[in-house]
Amino acid sequence: MEFGGSVWLFVVVGGTVLLGIAIAITMSNNRRRSRGEQRLTEAATKQLYKEEDRQS
């Protein structure tokens, strides 16, 4: 395998691994939130959607 092919292999495999790690960390953080925090997040999201709809 030539040098350029090795670099692309590293980029593709490394990117996939980093993406998997980022997704795992995010899922872990979301599971640790309490019910109150989850409700607050949902309410804030709904509020943002309502504001976007008003601006449209």
Protein backbone atom coordinates (compact mmCIF):
# COMPACT_ATOMS: atom_id res chain seq x y z
CA MET A 1 0.00 0.00 0.00
CA GLU A 2 1.31 3.41 -0.87
CA PHE A 3 1.71 6.24 1.62
CA GLY A 4 -1.39 8.16 0.45
CA GLY A 5 -3.58 5.08 0.87
CA SER A 6 -2.29 4.56 4.39
CA VAL A 7 -3.15 8.11 5.35
CA TRP A 8 -6.72 7.77 4.06
CA LEU A 9 -7.12 4.44 5.84
CA PHE A 10 -6.00 6.09 9.09
CA VAL A 11 -8.35 9.06 8.53
CA VAL A 12 -11.38 6.87 7.80
CA VAL A 13 -10.79 4.41 10.64
CA GLY A 14 -9.78 7.14 13.09
CA GLY A 15 -12.79 9.27 12.22
CA THR A 16 -15.13 6.34 12.71
CA VAL A 17 -13.61 5.56 16.10
CA LEU A 18 -13.80 9.20 17.22
CA LEU A 19 -17.42 9.46 16.09
CA GLY A 20 -18.28 6.29 18.01
CA ILE A 21 -16.61 7.63 21.15
CA ALA A 22 -18.45 10.96 20.86
CA ILE A 23 -21.80 9.21 20.46
CA ALA A 24 -21.09 6.93 23.44
CA ILE A 25 -20.16 9.89 25.66
CA THR A 26 -23.28 11.80 24.64
CA MET A 27 -25.54 8.82 25.31
CA SER A 28 -23.89 8.32 28.70
CA ASN A 29 -24.43 11.98 29.65
CA ASN A 30 -28.08 11.85 28.60
CA ARG A 31 -28.75 8.78 30.74
CA ARG A 32 -27.31 10.42 33.84
CA ARG A 33 -29.77 13.31 33.85
CA SER A 34 -32.52 13.29 36.44
CA ARG A 35 -36.21 13.39 35.53
CA GLY A 36 -36.35 17.06 36.46
CA GLU A 37 -33.46 17.90 34.18
CA GLN A 38 -35.05 15.89 31.37
CA ARG A 39 -38.35 17.75 31.79
CA LEU A 40 -36.53 21.09 31.78
CA THR A 41 -34.70 20.15 28.59
CA GLU A 42 -37.92 19.07 26.88
CA ALA A 43 -39.70 22.28 27.91
CA ALA A 44 -36.83 24.44 26.65
CA THR A 45 -36.78 22.56 23.33
CA LYS A 46 -40.53 23.02 22.86
CA GLN A 47 -40.16 26.73 23.66
CA LEU A 48 -37.43 27.11 21.03
CA TYR A 49 -39.59 25.37 18.43
CA LYS A 50 -42.50 27.69 19.23
CA GLU A 51 -40.25 30.75 18.85
CA GLU A 52 -38.95 29.47 15.50
CA ASP A 53 -42.50 28.88 14.27
CA ARG A 54 -43.48 32.44 15.23
CA GLN A 55 -40.53 33.86 13.29
CA SER A 56 -41.37 31.90 10.15
